[in-house]
Amino acid sequence: MAGKSQHLTLSTEEDEQLRRFEQSEQLRPKVRLRAQVVRLNAAGWSRRRIASHTGRTYGTVCQDLKRWHERRVEGLADAPATNQPEKLTQEMRELVLKKLHEERTWTCRQLVDAVEQTFKVSVSAEAMRRRVQELGYCWKRTRYAPCKEIDAELEHEHRASLETLKRGLKTDA
């Protein structure tokens, strides 16, 4: 692709194949969108118009077209995932399991801090969340809860105050 204003030329077979990709529910949405970008460019649409129409950035549209130019159909597929080595060692996992078996509630951020303090290794909260799920744990949002029975008389007194505040009534103070 020499100039930015040049449009792709597709054969009839390529256009039909790209149309099938666009309409296929078995393909990932990004792959379908890339096929649409290529077809719109071949139909004479400018890159800026394609970006506006598809909700992608101008740079992404240019990258999609470059991928098509270099690798044709293979360029539409997502790049393979980079398999980075696992940061959490077996000792770290054992520490996390030990912490999770305690009587207190642990957030992922707190588990990350515990691992960082013990092993001097930085781990993201998202990575910790995935590992905790892999260990079979799930959680709900933490919330404050009383740790002992509340005195009924005290609760009644405070509930009355709250109801007064909710109604917006003035109190004699």
C-alpha atoms as a PDB file:
ATOM      1  CA  MET A   1       0.000   0.000   0.000  1.00  0.00           C
ATOM      2  CA  ALA A   2       1.974   2.937  -1.274  1.00  0.00           C
ATOM      3  CA  GLY A   3      -0.223   5.936  -0.476  1.00  0.00           C
ATOM      4  CA  LYS A   4      -2.679   6.501   2.343  1.00  0.00           C
ATOM      5  CA  SER A   5      -5.466   7.333  -0.080  1.00  0.00           C
ATOM      6  CA  GLN A   6      -5.175   4.031  -1.959  1.00  0.00           C
ATOM      7  CA  HIS A   7      -7.952   1.527  -1.585  1.00  0.00           C
ATOM      8  CA  LEU A   8      -7.648  -2.226  -1.623  1.00  0.00           C
ATOM      9  CA  THR A   9      -8.764  -4.233  -4.597  1.00  0.00           C
ATOM     10  CA  LEU A  10     -10.468  -7.489  -3.724  1.00  0.00           C
ATOM     11  CA  SER A  11     -11.217 -10.391  -5.990  1.00  0.00           C
ATOM     12  CA  THR A  12     -14.801 -11.616  -6.095  1.00  0.00           C
ATOM     13  CA  GLU A  13     -13.787 -14.676  -4.060  1.00  0.00           C
ATOM     14  CA  GLU A  14     -12.043 -12.547  -1.411  1.00  0.00           C
ATOM     15  CA  ASP A  15     -15.038 -10.228  -1.149  1.00  0.00           C
ATOM     16  CA  GLU A  16     -17.417 -13.178  -0.702  1.00  0.00           C
ATOM     17  CA  GLN A  17     -15.128 -14.770   1.859  1.00  0.00           C
ATOM     18  CA  LEU A  18     -14.908 -11.510   3.825  1.00  0.00           C
ATOM     19  CA  ARG A  19     -18.686 -11.125   3.679  1.00  0.00           C
ATOM     20  CA  ARG A  20     -19.062 -14.635   5.150  1.00  0.00           C
ATOM     21  CA  PHE A  21     -16.560 -13.709   7.888  1.00  0.00           C
ATOM     22  CA  GLU A  22     -18.532 -10.554   8.708  1.00  0.00           C
ATOM     23  CA  GLN A  23     -21.752 -12.520   9.089  1.00  0.00           C
ATOM     24  CA  SER A  24     -20.339 -15.587  10.852  1.00  0.00           C
ATOM     25  CA  GLU A  25     -21.396 -15.953  14.465  1.00  0.00           C
ATOM     26  CA  GLN A  26     -18.621 -18.516  15.030  1.00  0.00           C
ATOM     27  CA  LEU A  27     -15.848 -15.944  14.564  1.00  0.00           C
ATOM     28  CA  ARG A  28     -14.729 -13.538  17.264  1.00  0.00           C
ATOM     29  CA  PRO A  29     -16.195 -10.011  16.999  1.00  0.00           C
ATOM     30  CA  LYS A  30     -12.790  -8.407  16.329  1.00  0.00           C
ATOM     31  CA  VAL A  31     -12.131 -10.744  13.397  1.00  0.00           C
ATOM     32  CA  ARG A  32     -15.552  -9.918  11.964  1.00  0.00           C
ATOM     33  CA  LEU A  33     -14.876  -6.210  12.402  1.00  0.00           C
ATOM     34  CA  ARG A  34     -11.506  -6.471  10.625  1.00  0.00           C
ATOM     35  CA  ALA A  35     -13.218  -8.162   7.694  1.00  0.00           C
ATOM     36  CA  GLN A  36     -15.706  -5.290   7.570  1.00  0.00           C
ATOM     37  CA  VAL A  37     -12.888  -2.714   7.636  1.00  0.00           C
ATOM     38  CA  VAL A  38     -11.207  -4.389   4.652  1.00  0.00           C
ATOM     39  CA  ARG A  39     -14.460  -4.585   2.676  1.00  0.00           C
ATOM     40  CA  LEU A  40     -15.337  -0.946   3.381  1.00  0.00           C
ATOM     41  CA  ASN A  41     -11.875   0.173   2.254  1.00  0.00           C
ATOM     42  CA  ALA A  42     -12.237  -1.845  -0.938  1.00  0.00           C
ATOM     43  CA  ALA A  43     -15.633  -0.182  -1.479  1.00  0.00           C
ATOM     44  CA  GLY A  44     -13.901   3.218  -1.548  1.00  0.00           C
ATOM     45  CA  TRP A  45     -14.449   4.427   2.004  1.00  0.00           C
ATOM     46  CA  SER A  46     -11.721   6.583   3.538  1.00  0.00           C
ATOM     47  CA  ARG A  47      -9.894   5.319   6.600  1.00  0.00           C
ATOM     48  CA  ARG A  48     -11.308   8.147   8.726  1.00  0.00           C
ATOM     49  CA  ARG A  49     -14.852   7.357   7.604  1.00  0.00           C
ATOM     50  CA  ILE A  50     -14.311   3.660   8.337  1.00  0.00           C
ATOM     51  CA  ALA A  51     -12.979   4.524  11.803  1.00  0.00           C
ATOM     52  CA  SER A  52     -15.997   6.720  12.492  1.00  0.00           C
ATOM     53  CA  HIS A  53     -18.447   4.119  11.180  1.00  0.00           C
ATOM     54  CA  THR A  54     -16.955   1.131  13.045  1.00  0.00           C
ATOM     55  CA  GLY A  55     -16.039   2.920  16.274  1.00  0.00           C
ATOM     56  CA  ARG A  56     -12.357   2.035  15.898  1.00  0.00           C
ATOM     57  CA  THR A  57      -9.506   4.511  15.956  1.00  0.00           C
ATOM     58  CA  TYR A  58      -7.861   5.716  12.778  1.00  0.00           C
ATOM     59  CA  GLY A  59      -4.622   3.968  13.774  1.00  0.00           C
ATOM     60  CA  THR A  60      -6.416   0.675  14.355  1.00  0.00           C
ATOM     61  CA  VAL A  61      -8.061   0.869  10.937  1.00  0.00           C
ATOM     62  CA  CYS A  62      -4.652   1.502   9.366  1.00  0.00           C
ATOM     63  CA  GLN A  63      -3.229  -1.462  11.286  1.00  0.00           C
ATOM     64  CA  ASP A  64      -6.110  -3.697  10.129  1.00  0.00           C
ATOM     65  CA  LEU A  65      -5.490  -2.746   6.508  1.00  0.00           C
ATOM     66  CA  LYS A  66      -1.745  -3.258   6.882  1.00  0.00           C
ATOM     67  CA  ARG A  67      -2.359  -6.731   8.329  1.00  0.00           C
ATOM     68  CA  TRP A  68      -4.588  -7.569   5.352  1.00  0.00           C
ATOM     69  CA  HIS A  69      -1.995  -6.245   2.904  1.00  0.00           C
ATOM     70  CA  GLU A  70       0.803  -8.302   4.466  1.00  0.00           C
ATOM     71  CA  ARG A  71      -0.997 -11.585   5.306  1.00  0.00           C
ATOM     72  CA  ARG A  72      -4.420 -11.451   3.645  1.00  0.00           C
ATOM     73  CA  VAL A  73      -6.928 -13.720   5.443  1.00  0.00           C
ATOM     74  CA  GLU A  74      -4.399 -14.826   8.086  1.00  0.00           C
ATOM     75  CA  GLY A  75      -3.979 -11.145   9.036  1.00  0.00           C
ATOM     76  CA  LEU A  76      -7.586 -10.974  10.218  1.00  0.00           C
ATOM     77  CA  ALA A  77      -7.000 -13.476  13.026  1.00  0.00           C
ATOM     78  CA  ASP A  78      -6.018 -12.381  16.507  1.00  0.00           C
ATOM     79  CA  ALA A  79      -2.338 -12.581  17.344  1.00  0.00           C
ATOM     80  CA  PRO A  80      -1.419 -15.539  19.517  1.00  0.00           C
ATOM     81  CA  ALA A  81      -1.395 -14.866  23.239  1.00  0.00           C
ATOM     82  CA  THR A  82       2.005 -14.308  24.796  1.00  0.00           C
ATOM     83  CA  ASN A  83       2.461 -17.033  27.353  1.00  0.00           C
ATOM     84  CA  GLN A  84       4.381 -15.313  30.074  1.00  0.00           C
ATOM     85  CA  PRO A  85       5.840 -17.515  32.774  1.00  0.00           C
ATOM     86  CA  GLU A  86       3.755 -17.911  35.909  1.00  0.00           C
ATOM     87  CA  LYS A  87       4.826 -15.467  38.633  1.00  0.00           C
ATOM     88  CA  LEU A  88       3.168 -17.296  41.501  1.00  0.00           C
ATOM     89  CA  THR A  89       5.391 -20.156  42.608  1.00  0.00           C
ATOM     90  CA  GLN A  90       4.132 -23.134  44.569  1.00  0.00           C
ATOM     91  CA  GLU A  91       5.324 -21.520  47.823  1.00  0.00           C
ATOM     92  CA  MET A  92       3.370 -18.359  46.993  1.00  0.00           C
ATOM     93  CA  ARG A  93       0.240 -20.375  46.257  1.00  0.00           C
ATOM     94  CA  GLU A  94       0.611 -22.163  49.576  1.00  0.00           C
ATOM     95  CA  LEU A  95       0.871 -18.803  51.346  1.00  0.00           C
ATOM     96  CA  VAL A  96      -2.279 -17.574  49.574  1.00  0.00           C
ATOM     97  CA  LEU A  97      -4.149 -20.766  50.530  1.00  0.00           C
ATOM     98  CA  LYS A  98      -2.988 -20.401  54.126  1.00  0.00           C
ATOM     99  CA  LYS A  99      -4.239 -16.797  54.207  1.00  0.00           C
ATOM    100  CA  LEU A 100      -7.579 -17.791  52.667  1.00  0.00           C
ATOM    101  CA  HIS A 101      -8.119 -20.442  55.347  1.00  0.00           C
ATOM    102  CA  GLU A 102      -7.838 -17.842  58.102  1.00  0.00           C
ATOM    103  CA  GLU A 103     -10.966 -16.610  59.861  1.00  0.00           C
ATOM    104  CA  ARG A 104     -10.738 -13.156  58.294  1.00  0.00           C
ATOM    105  CA  THR A 105     -11.727 -11.860  54.870  1.00  0.00           C
ATOM    106  CA  TRP A 106      -8.930 -11.225  52.365  1.00  0.00           C
ATOM    107  CA  THR A 107      -9.199  -9.023  49.297  1.00  0.00           C
ATOM    108  CA  CYS A 108      -7.017  -9.653  46.253  1.00  0.00           C
ATOM    109  CA  ARG A 109      -5.114  -6.440  46.958  1.00  0.00           C
ATOM    110  CA  GLN A 110      -4.369  -7.634  50.512  1.00  0.00           C
ATOM    111  CA  LEU A 111      -3.190 -11.007  49.185  1.00  0.00           C
ATOM    112  CA  VAL A 112      -0.926  -9.210  46.698  1.00  0.00           C
ATOM    113  CA  ASP A 113       0.548  -7.148  49.558  1.00  0.00           C
ATOM    114  CA  ALA A 114       1.125 -10.304  51.622  1.00  0.00           C
ATOM    115  CA  VAL A 115       2.941 -12.016  48.723  1.00  0.00           C
ATOM    116  CA  GLU A 116       5.015  -8.895  48.036  1.00  0.00           C
ATOM    117  CA  GLN A 117       6.039  -8.570  51.703  1.00  0.00           C
ATOM    118  CA  THR A 118       6.934 -12.236  52.051  1.00  0.00           C
ATOM    119  CA  PHE A 119       8.595 -12.955  48.693  1.00  0.00           C
ATOM    120  CA  LYS A 120       9.554  -9.464  47.412  1.00  0.00           C
ATOM    121  CA  VAL A 121       7.771 -10.218  44.101  1.00  0.00           C
ATOM    122  CA  SER A 122       5.324  -7.869  42.400  1.00  0.00           C
ATOM    123  CA  VAL A 123       2.026  -9.433  41.276  1.00  0.00           C
ATOM    124  CA  SER A 124      -0.985  -7.573  39.878  1.00  0.00           C
ATOM    125  CA  ALA A 125      -4.339  -7.708  41.645  1.00  0.00           C
ATOM    126  CA  GLU A 126      -5.923  -9.068  38.441  1.00  0.00           C
ATOM    127  CA  ALA A 127      -3.407 -11.928  38.288  1.00  0.00           C
ATOM    128  CA  MET A 128      -4.122 -12.692  41.944  1.00  0.00           C
ATOM    129  CA  ARG A 129      -7.881 -12.646  41.284  1.00  0.00           C
ATOM    130  CA  ARG A 130      -7.453 -15.210  38.491  1.00  0.00           C
ATOM    131  CA  ARG A 131      -5.268 -17.453  40.654  1.00  0.00           C
ATOM    132  CA  VAL A 132      -7.712 -17.279  43.568  1.00  0.00           C
ATOM    133  CA  GLN A 133     -10.537 -18.290  41.220  1.00  0.00           C
ATOM    134  CA  GLU A 134      -8.417 -21.153  39.860  1.00  0.00           C
ATOM    135  CA  LEU A 135      -8.024 -22.345  43.444  1.00  0.00           C
ATOM    136  CA  GLY A 136     -11.817 -22.657  43.605  1.00  0.00           C
ATOM    137  CA  TYR A 137     -12.618 -19.542  45.603  1.00  0.00           C
ATOM    138  CA  CYS A 138     -15.255 -16.963  44.831  1.00  0.00           C
ATOM    139  CA  TRP A 139     -16.259 -13.903  46.779  1.00  0.00           C
ATOM    140  CA  LYS A 140     -18.753 -11.167  47.239  1.00  0.00           C
ATOM    141  CA  ARG A 141     -18.093  -7.530  47.897  1.00  0.00           C
ATOM    142  CA  THR A 142     -16.935  -7.074  51.466  1.00  0.00           C
ATOM    143  CA  ARG A 143     -19.201  -5.118  53.778  1.00  0.00           C
ATOM    144  CA  TYR A 144     -19.318  -4.014  57.361  1.00  0.00           C
ATOM    145  CA  ALA A 145     -21.199  -6.320  59.698  1.00  0.00           C
ATOM    146  CA  PRO A 146     -21.518  -6.239  63.482  1.00  0.00           C
ATOM    147  CA  CYS A 147     -19.268  -8.721  65.216  1.00  0.00           C
ATOM    148  CA  LYS A 148     -21.574  -9.189  68.220  1.00  0.00           C
ATOM    149  CA  GLU A 149     -25.288  -8.972  69.048  1.00  0.00           C
ATOM    150  CA  ILE A 150     -26.615  -5.440  69.002  1.00  0.00           C
ATOM    151  CA  ASP A 151     -28.433  -4.133  72.073  1.00  0.00           C
ATOM    152  CA  ALA A 152     -32.121  -3.949  71.048  1.00  0.00           C
ATOM    153  CA  GLU A 153     -32.741  -0.690  72.926  1.00  0.00           C
ATOM    154  CA  LEU A 154     -29.712   0.991  71.342  1.00  0.00           C
ATOM    155  CA  GLU A 155     -30.734  -0.230  67.888  1.00  0.00           C
ATOM    156  CA  HIS A 156     -34.272   1.129  68.356  1.00  0.00           C
ATOM    157  CA  GLU A 157     -32.900   4.520  69.392  1.00  0.00           C
ATOM    158  CA  HIS A 158     -30.668   4.770  66.321  1.00  0.00           C
ATOM    159  CA  ARG A 159     -33.326   3.500  63.919  1.00  0.00           C
ATOM    160  CA  ALA A 160     -35.664   6.251  65.119  1.00  0.00           C
ATOM    161  CA  SER A 161     -32.924   8.825  64.437  1.00  0.00           C
ATOM    162  CA  LEU A 162     -32.381   7.442  60.950  1.00  0.00           C
ATOM    163  CA  GLU A 163     -36.097   7.515  60.158  1.00  0.00           C
ATOM    164  CA  THR A 164     -36.242  11.141  61.293  1.00  0.00           C
ATOM    165  CA  LEU A 165     -33.278  12.024  59.057  1.00  0.00           C
ATOM    166  CA  LYS A 166     -34.824  10.200  56.088  1.00  0.00           C
ATOM    167  CA  ARG A 167     -38.060  12.169  56.410  1.00  0.00           C
ATOM    168  CA  GLY A 168     -36.169  15.422  56.760  1.00  0.00           C
ATOM    169  CA  LEU A 169     -37.955  16.431  59.938  1.00  0.00           C
ATOM    170  CA  LYS A 170     -36.344  18.895  62.262  1.00  0.00           C
ATOM    171  CA  THR A 171     -35.443  17.668  65.708  1.00  0.00           C
ATOM    172  CA  ASP A 172     -35.353  19.763  68.845  1.00  0.00           C
ATOM    173  CA  ALA A 173     -31.723  19.771  69.821  1.00  0.00           C
END
